Amino acid sequence: MLPSKFLIVVIALLLAAAPQAQAGTVVPMEGLKRNTILVKTSQRRLYLALGDGSAIRYPIGVGRNGKQWTGQRRVISKRLRPAWSPTAQIRRDNPRIPNVIPAGAPNNPMGAAALILSGDGQYAIHGTNKPGSVGGFVSYGCIRMLNEDIMDLYSRVNIGTSVIVLP
């Protein structure tokens, strides 16, 4: 029988050598160019194409009824812990919202990071400080991710990355 200290060391070495879990799940996905982001609104899933016939799949929150959109955009900016300013539509619906919510504030809806999308400047793929909202139809059109997932995605994409949003 091996001494218990030896077993603890062996188990620790095996655990350290094991691949670490990362955000998202790798799934088969053909037909997308490497580093293309595909959002499937009805599934409430975002996919990052890896270029080898697979993609990383993440759960997301999407626009509520009447706030969803489809089309193609590009990532035009990457921001860590961004401050947030509500759009005119959000201010009309919620006039008591401040003009700016500072970075890191617990009520800041952008979470840990944001990928700002081309177009009218209203949409982003961003983290959230309300993880329970991920998986639902919850936003004014932005794509919400768990903070650990947006940090993983943020580290993998560049400015210029193509984003395709489907119904």
N, C-alpha and C. Protein backbone atom coordinates (compact mmCIF):
# COMPACT_ATOMS: atom_id res chain seq x y z
N MET A 1 0.83 -1.17 0.00
CA MET A 1 0.00 0.00 0.00
C MET A 1 0.88 1.24 0.00
N LEU A 2 0.49 2.23 -0.81
CA LEU A 2 1.27 3.45 -0.91
C LEU A 2 0.96 4.40 0.24
N PRO A 3 1.96 5.13 0.70
CA PRO A 3 1.71 6.11 1.77
C PRO A 3 0.72 7.18 1.28
N SER A 4 -0.12 7.65 2.20
CA SER A 4 -1.17 8.60 1.82
C SER A 4 -0.59 9.91 1.29
N LYS A 5 0.57 10.37 1.79
CA LYS A 5 1.18 11.60 1.27
C LYS A 5 1.54 11.43 -0.20
N PHE A 6 2.04 10.25 -0.55
CA PHE A 6 2.41 9.98 -1.93
C PHE A 6 1.18 10.03 -2.83
N LEU A 7 0.08 9.44 -2.38
CA LEU A 7 -1.16 9.47 -3.16
C LEU A 7 -1.67 10.89 -3.36
N ILE A 8 -1.58 11.71 -2.34
CA ILE A 8 -2.02 13.10 -2.45
C ILE A 8 -1.19 13.84 -3.49
N VAL A 9 0.12 13.62 -3.49
CA VAL A 9 1.00 14.26 -4.47
C VAL A 9 0.66 13.78 -5.89
N VAL A 10 0.45 12.50 -6.07
CA VAL A 10 0.10 11.96 -7.39
C VAL A 10 -1.23 12.53 -7.87
N ILE A 11 -2.21 12.58 -7.03
CA ILE A 11 -3.52 13.13 -7.41
C ILE A 11 -3.38 14.61 -7.77
N ALA A 12 -2.63 15.35 -6.99
CA ALA A 12 -2.42 16.78 -7.28
C ALA A 12 -1.74 16.96 -8.63
N LEU A 13 -0.73 16.13 -8.93
CA LEU A 13 -0.05 16.23 -10.22
C LEU A 13 -0.98 15.88 -11.37
N LEU A 14 -1.81 14.89 -11.20
CA LEU A 14 -2.76 14.52 -12.25
C LEU A 14 -3.79 15.63 -12.50
N LEU A 15 -4.27 16.22 -11.42
CA LEU A 15 -5.24 17.32 -11.57
C LEU A 15 -4.60 18.52 -12.23
N ALA A 16 -3.36 18.83 -11.90
CA ALA A 16 -2.68 19.98 -12.50
C ALA A 16 -2.44 19.75 -13.98
N ALA A 17 -2.23 18.50 -14.40
CA ALA A 17 -1.97 18.20 -15.81
C ALA A 17 -3.24 18.11 -16.64
N ALA A 18 -4.39 17.98 -16.00
CA ALA A 18 -5.65 17.85 -16.73
C ALA A 18 -5.99 19.18 -17.41
N PRO A 19 -6.59 19.13 -18.60
CA PRO A 19 -6.98 20.37 -19.26
C PRO A 19 -7.98 21.14 -18.39
N GLN A 20 -7.80 22.44 -18.31
CA GLN A 20 -8.68 23.26 -17.51
C GLN A 20 -9.97 23.55 -18.28
N ALA A 21 -11.06 23.58 -17.56
CA ALA A 21 -12.34 23.91 -18.18
C ALA A 21 -12.29 25.36 -18.64
N GLN A 22 -12.96 25.65 -19.76
CA GLN A 22 -13.04 27.01 -20.24
C GLN A 22 -14.49 27.32 -20.57
N ALA A 23 -14.76 28.60 -20.73
CA ALA A 23 -16.12 29.03 -21.03
C ALA A 23 -16.57 28.43 -22.35
N GLY A 24 -17.87 28.22 -22.47
CA GLY A 24 -18.42 27.71 -23.73
C GLY A 24 -18.21 26.22 -23.91
N THR A 25 -18.87 25.70 -24.93
CA THR A 25 -18.80 24.29 -25.28
C THR A 25 -18.44 24.19 -26.75
N VAL A 26 -17.49 23.34 -27.10
CA VAL A 26 -17.13 23.15 -28.51
C VAL A 26 -18.14 22.21 -29.14
N VAL A 27 -18.70 22.66 -30.28
CA VAL A 27 -19.71 21.88 -31.00
C VAL A 27 -19.36 21.86 -32.49
N PRO A 28 -19.87 20.89 -33.25
CA PRO A 28 -19.63 20.89 -34.70
C PRO A 28 -20.35 22.07 -35.36
N MET A 29 -19.68 22.71 -36.31
CA MET A 29 -20.31 23.79 -37.08
C MET A 29 -19.49 24.01 -38.35
N GLU A 30 -20.09 23.68 -39.46
CA GLU A 30 -19.44 23.83 -40.76
C GLU A 30 -19.87 25.13 -41.43
N GLY A 31 -19.04 25.60 -42.34
CA GLY A 31 -19.45 26.66 -43.25
C GLY A 31 -19.18 28.09 -42.81
N LEU A 32 -18.58 28.29 -41.65
CA LEU A 32 -18.27 29.65 -41.23
C LEU A 32 -16.76 29.86 -41.21
N LYS A 33 -16.35 31.03 -41.66
CA LYS A 33 -14.95 31.41 -41.65
C LYS A 33 -14.47 31.54 -40.20
N ARG A 34 -13.23 31.18 -39.96
CA ARG A 34 -12.62 31.26 -38.62
C ARG A 34 -12.86 32.64 -38.01
N ASN A 35 -13.19 32.64 -36.73
CA ASN A 35 -13.44 33.84 -35.93
C ASN A 35 -14.68 34.62 -36.33
N THR A 36 -15.59 34.01 -37.05
CA THR A 36 -16.89 34.62 -37.30
C THR A 36 -17.79 34.32 -36.11
N ILE A 37 -18.53 35.34 -35.67
CA ILE A 37 -19.50 35.16 -34.60
C ILE A 37 -20.87 35.00 -35.23
N LEU A 38 -21.58 33.95 -34.85
CA LEU A 38 -22.94 33.70 -35.32
C LEU A 38 -23.86 33.71 -34.10
N VAL A 39 -24.89 34.54 -34.15
CA VAL A 39 -25.89 34.60 -33.09
C VAL A 39 -27.19 34.00 -33.63
N LYS A 40 -27.70 33.00 -32.95
CA LYS A 40 -29.00 32.42 -33.28
C LYS A 40 -29.98 32.86 -32.20
N THR A 41 -30.71 33.93 -32.51
CA THR A 41 -31.58 34.56 -31.52
C THR A 41 -32.59 33.59 -30.94
N SER A 42 -33.27 32.83 -31.78
CA SER A 42 -34.32 31.93 -31.28
C SER A 42 -33.76 30.85 -30.35
N GLN A 43 -32.51 30.47 -30.57
CA GLN A 43 -31.86 29.47 -29.70
C GLN A 43 -31.24 30.11 -28.46
N ARG A 44 -31.07 31.42 -28.50
CA ARG A 44 -30.37 32.14 -27.44
C ARG A 44 -28.98 31.53 -27.23
N ARG A 45 -28.27 31.44 -28.39
CA ARG A 45 -26.91 30.90 -28.42
C ARG A 45 -26.04 31.76 -29.34
N LEU A 46 -24.79 31.92 -28.96
CA LEU A 46 -23.78 32.59 -29.77
C LEU A 46 -22.71 31.56 -30.08
N TYR A 47 -22.24 31.56 -31.32
CA TYR A 47 -21.21 30.61 -31.76
C TYR A 47 -20.01 31.40 -32.28
N LEU A 48 -18.81 30.98 -31.89
CA LEU A 48 -17.58 31.52 -32.45
C LEU A 48 -16.94 30.41 -33.27
N ALA A 49 -16.89 30.62 -34.59
CA ALA A 49 -16.33 29.61 -35.49
C ALA A 49 -14.82 29.48 -35.27
N LEU A 50 -14.36 28.25 -35.15
CA LEU A 50 -12.94 27.98 -34.93
C LEU A 50 -12.21 27.70 -36.24
N GLY A 51 -12.95 27.54 -37.34
CA GLY A 51 -12.33 27.34 -38.64
C GLY A 51 -11.94 25.91 -38.96
N ASP A 52 -12.26 24.99 -38.09
CA ASP A 52 -11.91 23.58 -38.31
C ASP A 52 -13.16 22.70 -38.34
N GLY A 53 -14.32 23.32 -38.64
CA GLY A 53 -15.58 22.58 -38.63
C GLY A 53 -16.23 22.56 -37.26
N SER A 54 -15.72 23.38 -36.34
CA SER A 54 -16.31 23.43 -35.02
C SER A 54 -16.45 24.90 -34.59
N ALA A 55 -17.17 25.08 -33.50
CA ALA A 55 -17.38 26.42 -32.94
C ALA A 55 -17.52 26.29 -31.44
N ILE A 56 -17.25 27.39 -30.76
CA ILE A 56 -17.53 27.45 -29.33
C ILE A 56 -18.92 28.04 -29.19
N ARG A 57 -19.77 27.35 -28.42
CA ARG A 57 -21.16 27.77 -28.21
C ARG A 57 -21.30 28.34 -26.80
N TYR A 58 -21.95 29.50 -26.74
CA TYR A 58 -22.18 30.16 -25.46
C TYR A 58 -23.67 30.44 -25.31
N PRO A 59 -24.22 30.35 -24.10
CA PRO A 59 -25.60 30.79 -23.86
C PRO A 59 -25.62 32.32 -23.82
N ILE A 60 -26.72 32.90 -24.30
CA ILE A 60 -26.84 34.37 -24.32
C ILE A 60 -28.25 34.80 -23.95
N GLY A 61 -28.39 36.05 -23.58
CA GLY A 61 -29.67 36.73 -23.49
C GLY A 61 -29.78 37.61 -24.73
N VAL A 62 -30.98 37.73 -25.27
CA VAL A 62 -31.18 38.49 -26.52
C VAL A 62 -32.31 39.50 -26.34
N GLY A 63 -32.58 40.24 -27.41
CA GLY A 63 -33.62 41.26 -27.39
C GLY A 63 -34.99 40.69 -27.08
N ARG A 64 -35.72 41.43 -26.26
CA ARG A 64 -37.09 41.02 -25.98
C ARG A 64 -37.96 41.26 -27.21
N ASN A 65 -39.19 40.83 -27.16
CA ASN A 65 -40.11 40.97 -28.28
C ASN A 65 -40.14 42.42 -28.75
N GLY A 66 -39.98 42.63 -30.04
CA GLY A 66 -39.97 43.97 -30.62
C GLY A 66 -38.62 44.66 -30.57
N LYS A 67 -37.64 44.07 -29.91
CA LYS A 67 -36.31 44.68 -29.78
C LYS A 67 -35.23 43.85 -30.48
N GLN A 68 -35.63 42.77 -31.13
CA GLN A 68 -34.66 41.91 -31.79
C GLN A 68 -34.32 42.47 -33.18
N TRP A 69 -33.17 42.10 -33.67
CA TRP A 69 -32.73 42.52 -34.99
C TRP A 69 -31.94 41.39 -35.63
N THR A 70 -31.79 41.46 -36.92
CA THR A 70 -30.98 40.48 -37.64
C THR A 70 -30.08 41.24 -38.61
N GLY A 71 -29.07 40.57 -39.08
CA GLY A 71 -28.18 41.18 -40.07
C GLY A 71 -26.73 40.89 -39.76
N GLN A 72 -25.88 41.63 -40.46
CA GLN A 72 -24.45 41.44 -40.30
C GLN A 72 -23.82 42.74 -39.82
N ARG A 73 -22.95 42.63 -38.85
CA ARG A 73 -22.21 43.76 -38.28
C ARG A 73 -20.76 43.34 -38.14
N ARG A 74 -19.96 44.24 -37.63
CA ARG A 74 -18.56 43.95 -37.30
C ARG A 74 -18.27 44.49 -35.90
N VAL A 75 -17.31 43.88 -35.25
CA VAL A 75 -16.83 44.41 -33.97
C VAL A 75 -15.99 45.64 -34.30
N ILE A 76 -16.37 46.80 -33.76
CA ILE A 76 -15.62 48.03 -34.04
C ILE A 76 -14.83 48.52 -32.83
N SER A 77 -15.10 47.95 -31.66
CA SER A 77 -14.38 48.36 -30.46
C SER A 77 -14.49 47.26 -29.41
N LYS A 78 -13.45 47.13 -28.61
CA LYS A 78 -13.43 46.19 -27.50
C LYS A 78 -13.17 47.01 -26.24
N ARG A 79 -14.00 46.81 -25.22
CA ARG A 79 -13.86 47.61 -24.00
C ARG A 79 -13.97 46.72 -22.77
N LEU A 80 -13.03 46.90 -21.87
CA LEU A 80 -13.09 46.21 -20.58
C LEU A 80 -13.78 47.12 -19.58
N ARG A 81 -14.71 46.54 -18.82
CA ARG A 81 -15.45 47.27 -17.79
C ARG A 81 -15.90 48.65 -18.27
N PRO A 82 -16.67 48.70 -19.33
CA PRO A 82 -17.05 50.02 -19.87
C PRO A 82 -18.13 50.70 -19.03
N ALA A 83 -18.10 52.02 -19.06
CA ALA A 83 -19.23 52.79 -18.55
C ALA A 83 -20.37 52.57 -19.54
N TRP A 84 -21.59 52.92 -19.14
CA TRP A 84 -22.75 52.71 -20.01
C TRP A 84 -23.64 53.94 -20.02
N SER A 85 -24.06 54.31 -21.22
CA SER A 85 -25.05 55.38 -21.40
C SER A 85 -26.26 54.79 -22.09
N PRO A 86 -27.45 55.01 -21.56
CA PRO A 86 -28.65 54.43 -22.18
C PRO A 86 -28.96 55.10 -23.52
N THR A 87 -29.54 54.33 -24.42
CA THR A 87 -29.99 54.89 -25.70
C THR A 87 -31.21 55.76 -25.45
N ALA A 88 -31.58 56.54 -26.46
CA ALA A 88 -32.76 57.41 -26.35
C ALA A 88 -34.01 56.58 -26.04
N GLN A 89 -34.15 55.42 -26.67
CA GLN A 89 -35.33 54.58 -26.44
C GLN A 89 -35.37 54.09 -24.99
N ILE A 90 -34.24 53.68 -24.46
CA ILE A 90 -34.20 53.21 -23.07
C ILE A 90 -34.55 54.37 -22.13
N ARG A 91 -34.05 55.55 -22.41
CA ARG A 91 -34.34 56.72 -21.56
C ARG A 91 -35.82 57.08 -21.61
N ARG A 92 -36.45 56.94 -22.80
CA ARG A 92 -37.89 57.19 -22.89
C ARG A 92 -38.67 56.21 -22.03
N ASP A 93 -38.27 54.94 -22.07
CA ASP A 93 -38.96 53.90 -21.30
C ASP A 93 -38.65 53.97 -19.81
N ASN A 94 -37.47 54.49 -19.46
CA ASN A 94 -37.01 54.54 -18.07
C ASN A 94 -36.38 55.91 -17.79
N PRO A 95 -37.18 56.95 -17.67
CA PRO A 95 -36.63 58.30 -17.54
C PRO A 95 -35.78 58.54 -16.29
N ARG A 96 -35.88 57.68 -15.30
CA ARG A 96 -35.08 57.86 -14.08
C ARG A 96 -33.67 57.28 -14.18
N ILE A 97 -33.36 56.62 -15.29
CA ILE A 97 -32.01 56.06 -15.47
C ILE A 97 -31.02 57.22 -15.60
N PRO A 98 -29.88 57.12 -14.93
CA PRO A 98 -28.87 58.17 -15.08
C PRO A 98 -28.34 58.24 -16.52
N ASN A 99 -27.78 59.38 -16.88
CA ASN A 99 -27.21 59.55 -18.23
C ASN A 99 -26.01 58.64 -18.45
N VAL A 100 -25.26 58.37 -17.39
CA VAL A 100 -24.10 57.48 -17.47
C VAL A 100 -24.05 56.65 -16.20
N ILE A 101 -23.81 55.36 -16.37
CA ILE A 101 -23.55 54.48 -15.23
C ILE A 101 -22.07 54.12 -15.30
N PRO A 102 -21.30 54.46 -14.28
CA PRO A 102 -19.86 54.29 -14.35
C PRO A 102 -19.43 52.83 -14.46
N ALA A 103 -18.23 52.66 -15.00
CA ALA A 103 -17.61 51.33 -15.10
C ALA A 103 -17.53 50.71 -13.71
N GLY A 104 -17.85 49.44 -13.64
CA GLY A 104 -17.72 48.72 -12.38
C GLY A 104 -18.88 48.89 -11.41
N ALA A 105 -19.81 49.80 -11.71
CA ALA A 105 -20.96 49.98 -10.82
C ALA A 105 -21.83 48.73 -10.86
N PRO A 106 -22.40 48.32 -9.72
CA PRO A 106 -23.20 47.10 -9.71
C PRO A 106 -24.44 47.17 -10.60
N ASN A 107 -24.93 48.36 -10.90
CA ASN A 107 -26.10 48.50 -11.78
C ASN A 107 -25.71 48.76 -13.24
N ASN A 108 -24.43 48.62 -13.56
CA ASN A 108 -23.97 48.80 -14.94
C ASN A 108 -24.31 47.54 -15.73
N PRO A 109 -25.14 47.64 -16.76
CA PRO A 109 -25.56 46.44 -17.49
C PRO A 109 -24.51 45.85 -18.43
N MET A 110 -23.35 46.49 -18.58
CA MET A 110 -22.34 46.01 -19.52
C MET A 110 -21.46 44.90 -18.95
N GLY A 111 -21.43 44.74 -17.65
CA GLY A 111 -20.64 43.68 -17.05
C GLY A 111 -19.15 43.87 -17.25
N ALA A 112 -18.45 42.75 -17.41
CA ALA A 112 -16.99 42.74 -17.42
C ALA A 112 -16.36 43.30 -18.68
N ALA A 113 -17.04 43.19 -19.81
CA ALA A 113 -16.46 43.63 -21.09
C ALA A 113 -17.56 43.78 -22.12
N ALA A 114 -17.21 44.48 -23.20
CA ALA A 114 -18.16 44.66 -24.30
C ALA A 114 -17.44 44.67 -25.63
N LEU A 115 -18.09 44.07 -26.62
CA LEU A 115 -17.68 44.15 -28.01
C LEU A 115 -18.72 45.04 -28.68
N ILE A 116 -18.33 46.25 -29.07
CA ILE A 116 -19.24 47.22 -29.66
C ILE A 116 -19.36 46.90 -31.15
N LEU A 117 -20.61 46.90 -31.64
CA LEU A 117 -20.87 46.50 -33.01
C LEU A 117 -21.10 47.70 -33.92
N SER A 118 -20.74 47.54 -35.18
CA SER A 118 -20.95 48.58 -36.18
C SER A 118 -22.44 48.82 -36.38
N GLY A 119 -22.75 49.88 -37.08
CA GLY A 119 -24.15 50.23 -37.31
C GLY A 119 -24.44 51.54 -36.62
N ASP A 120 -25.55 51.57 -35.94
CA ASP A 120 -25.97 52.82 -35.30
C ASP A 120 -25.38 53.02 -33.91
N GLY A 121 -24.49 52.14 -33.49
CA GLY A 121 -23.83 52.29 -32.20
C GLY A 121 -24.67 51.88 -31.01
N GLN A 122 -25.83 51.31 -31.23
CA GLN A 122 -26.71 50.95 -30.13
C GLN A 122 -26.50 49.54 -29.61
N TYR A 123 -25.81 48.69 -30.38
CA TYR A 123 -25.75 47.28 -30.01
C TYR A 123 -24.34 46.85 -29.66
N ALA A 124 -24.28 45.91 -28.71
CA ALA A 124 -23.01 45.33 -28.28
C ALA A 124 -23.25 43.89 -27.85
N ILE A 125 -22.19 43.14 -27.83
CA ILE A 125 -22.16 41.84 -27.17
C ILE A 125 -21.42 42.13 -25.87
N HIS A 126 -22.06 41.90 -24.73
CA HIS A 126 -21.46 42.31 -23.47
C HIS A 126 -21.79 41.35 -22.34
N GLY A 127 -21.05 41.51 -21.26
CA GLY A 127 -21.31 40.74 -20.05
C GLY A 127 -22.54 41.28 -19.34
N THR A 128 -22.82 40.72 -18.19
CA THR A 128 -23.95 41.19 -17.40
C THR A 128 -23.69 40.95 -15.93
N ASN A 129 -24.22 41.84 -15.11
CA ASN A 129 -24.17 41.65 -13.67
C ASN A 129 -25.43 40.95 -13.17
N LYS A 130 -26.27 40.51 -14.10
CA LYS A 130 -27.48 39.75 -13.77
C LYS A 130 -27.42 38.41 -14.52
N PRO A 131 -26.63 37.46 -14.02
CA PRO A 131 -26.45 36.20 -14.75
C PRO A 131 -27.75 35.45 -15.01
N GLY A 132 -28.77 35.66 -14.20
CA GLY A 132 -30.05 34.99 -14.41
C GLY A 132 -30.76 35.45 -15.67
N SER A 133 -30.32 36.57 -16.26
CA SER A 133 -30.95 37.07 -17.49
C SER A 133 -30.42 36.35 -18.73
N VAL A 134 -29.28 35.69 -18.60
CA VAL A 134 -28.72 34.95 -19.73
C VAL A 134 -29.62 33.75 -20.01
N GLY A 135 -30.00 33.60 -21.27
CA GLY A 135 -30.91 32.52 -21.66
C GLY A 135 -32.31 33.04 -21.95
N GLY A 136 -32.54 34.32 -21.70
CA GLY A 136 -33.87 34.87 -21.89
C GLY A 136 -33.94 35.92 -23.00
N PHE A 137 -35.16 36.39 -23.24
CA PHE A 137 -35.43 37.49 -24.16
C PHE A 137 -35.54 38.72 -23.27
N VAL A 138 -34.43 39.44 -23.07
CA VAL A 138 -34.34 40.37 -21.96
C VAL A 138 -33.85 41.78 -22.29
N SER A 139 -33.26 41.99 -23.45
CA SER A 139 -32.56 43.26 -23.67
C SER A 139 -33.29 44.15 -24.67
N TYR A 140 -32.70 45.28 -24.93
CA TYR A 140 -33.16 46.21 -25.97
C TYR A 140 -32.47 45.91 -27.30
N GLY A 141 -31.88 44.75 -27.42
CA GLY A 141 -31.25 44.33 -28.66
C GLY A 141 -29.81 43.90 -28.51
N CYS A 142 -29.19 44.24 -27.38
CA CYS A 142 -27.83 43.79 -27.14
C CYS A 142 -27.82 42.29 -26.86
N ILE A 143 -26.65 41.71 -27.02
CA ILE A 143 -26.44 40.29 -26.75
C ILE A 143 -25.74 40.19 -25.39
N ARG A 144 -26.39 39.57 -24.41
CA ARG A 144 -25.83 39.44 -23.06
C ARG A 144 -25.18 38.08 -22.88
N MET A 145 -24.04 38.10 -22.23
CA MET A 145 -23.31 36.88 -21.92
C MET A 145 -22.93 36.88 -20.45
N LEU A 146 -22.71 35.69 -19.91
CA LEU A 146 -22.12 35.60 -18.58
C LEU A 146 -20.77 36.30 -18.61
N ASN A 147 -20.37 36.93 -17.52
CA ASN A 147 -19.11 37.66 -17.51
C ASN A 147 -17.92 36.78 -17.89
N GLU A 148 -17.88 35.54 -17.38
CA GLU A 148 -16.76 34.67 -17.74
C GLU A 148 -16.78 34.32 -19.23
N ASP A 149 -17.96 34.24 -19.83
CA ASP A 149 -18.05 33.93 -21.26
C ASP A 149 -17.64 35.13 -22.11
N ILE A 150 -18.05 36.35 -21.74
CA ILE A 150 -17.63 37.51 -22.54
C ILE A 150 -16.12 37.69 -22.43
N MET A 151 -15.54 37.38 -21.29
CA MET A 151 -14.08 37.50 -21.16
C MET A 151 -13.38 36.48 -22.05
N ASP A 152 -13.93 35.28 -22.14
CA ASP A 152 -13.35 34.27 -23.02
C ASP A 152 -13.48 34.73 -24.48
N LEU A 153 -14.68 35.16 -24.88
CA LEU A 153 -14.88 35.62 -26.25
C LEU A 153 -14.00 36.83 -26.55
N TYR A 154 -13.95 37.78 -25.64
CA TYR A 154 -13.14 39.00 -25.78
C TYR A 154 -11.69 38.65 -26.11
N SER A 155 -11.17 37.62 -25.45
CA SER A 155 -9.77 37.23 -25.65
C SER A 155 -9.54 36.55 -27.00
N ARG A 156 -10.60 36.10 -27.64
CA ARG A 156 -10.47 35.33 -28.88
C ARG A 156 -10.72 36.14 -30.16
N VAL A 157 -11.40 37.28 -30.05
CA VAL A 157 -11.77 38.02 -31.26
C VAL A 157 -11.03 39.34 -31.34
N ASN A 158 -11.01 39.89 -32.55
CA ASN A 158 -10.32 41.15 -32.82
C ASN A 158 -11.32 42.17 -33.35
N ILE A 159 -10.92 43.41 -33.35
CA ILE A 159 -11.70 44.43 -34.03
C ILE A 159 -11.76 44.03 -35.50
N GLY A 160 -12.94 44.14 -36.08
CA GLY A 160 -13.16 43.71 -37.46
C GLY A 160 -13.84 42.37 -37.57
N THR A 161 -13.94 41.61 -36.47
CA THR A 161 -14.59 40.31 -36.50
C THR A 161 -16.02 40.46 -37.01
N SER A 162 -16.41 39.59 -37.91
CA SER A 162 -17.76 39.59 -38.47
C SER A 162 -18.75 38.98 -37.48
N VAL A 163 -19.93 39.62 -37.36
CA VAL A 163 -20.99 39.14 -36.48
C VAL A 163 -22.24 39.00 -37.33
N ILE A 164 -22.79 37.80 -37.36
CA ILE A 164 -24.02 37.51 -38.11
C ILE A 164 -25.10 37.17 -37.10
N VAL A 165 -26.23 37.91 -37.17
CA VAL A 165 -27.33 37.67 -36.26
C VAL A 165 -28.52 37.14 -37.05
N LEU A 166 -28.96 35.95 -36.70
CA LEU A 166 -30.09 35.30 -37.35
C LEU A 166 -31.29 35.28 -36.39
N PRO A 167 -32.50 35.14 -36.96
CA PRO A 167 -33.69 35.06 -36.08
C PRO A 167 -33.63 33.85 -35.16
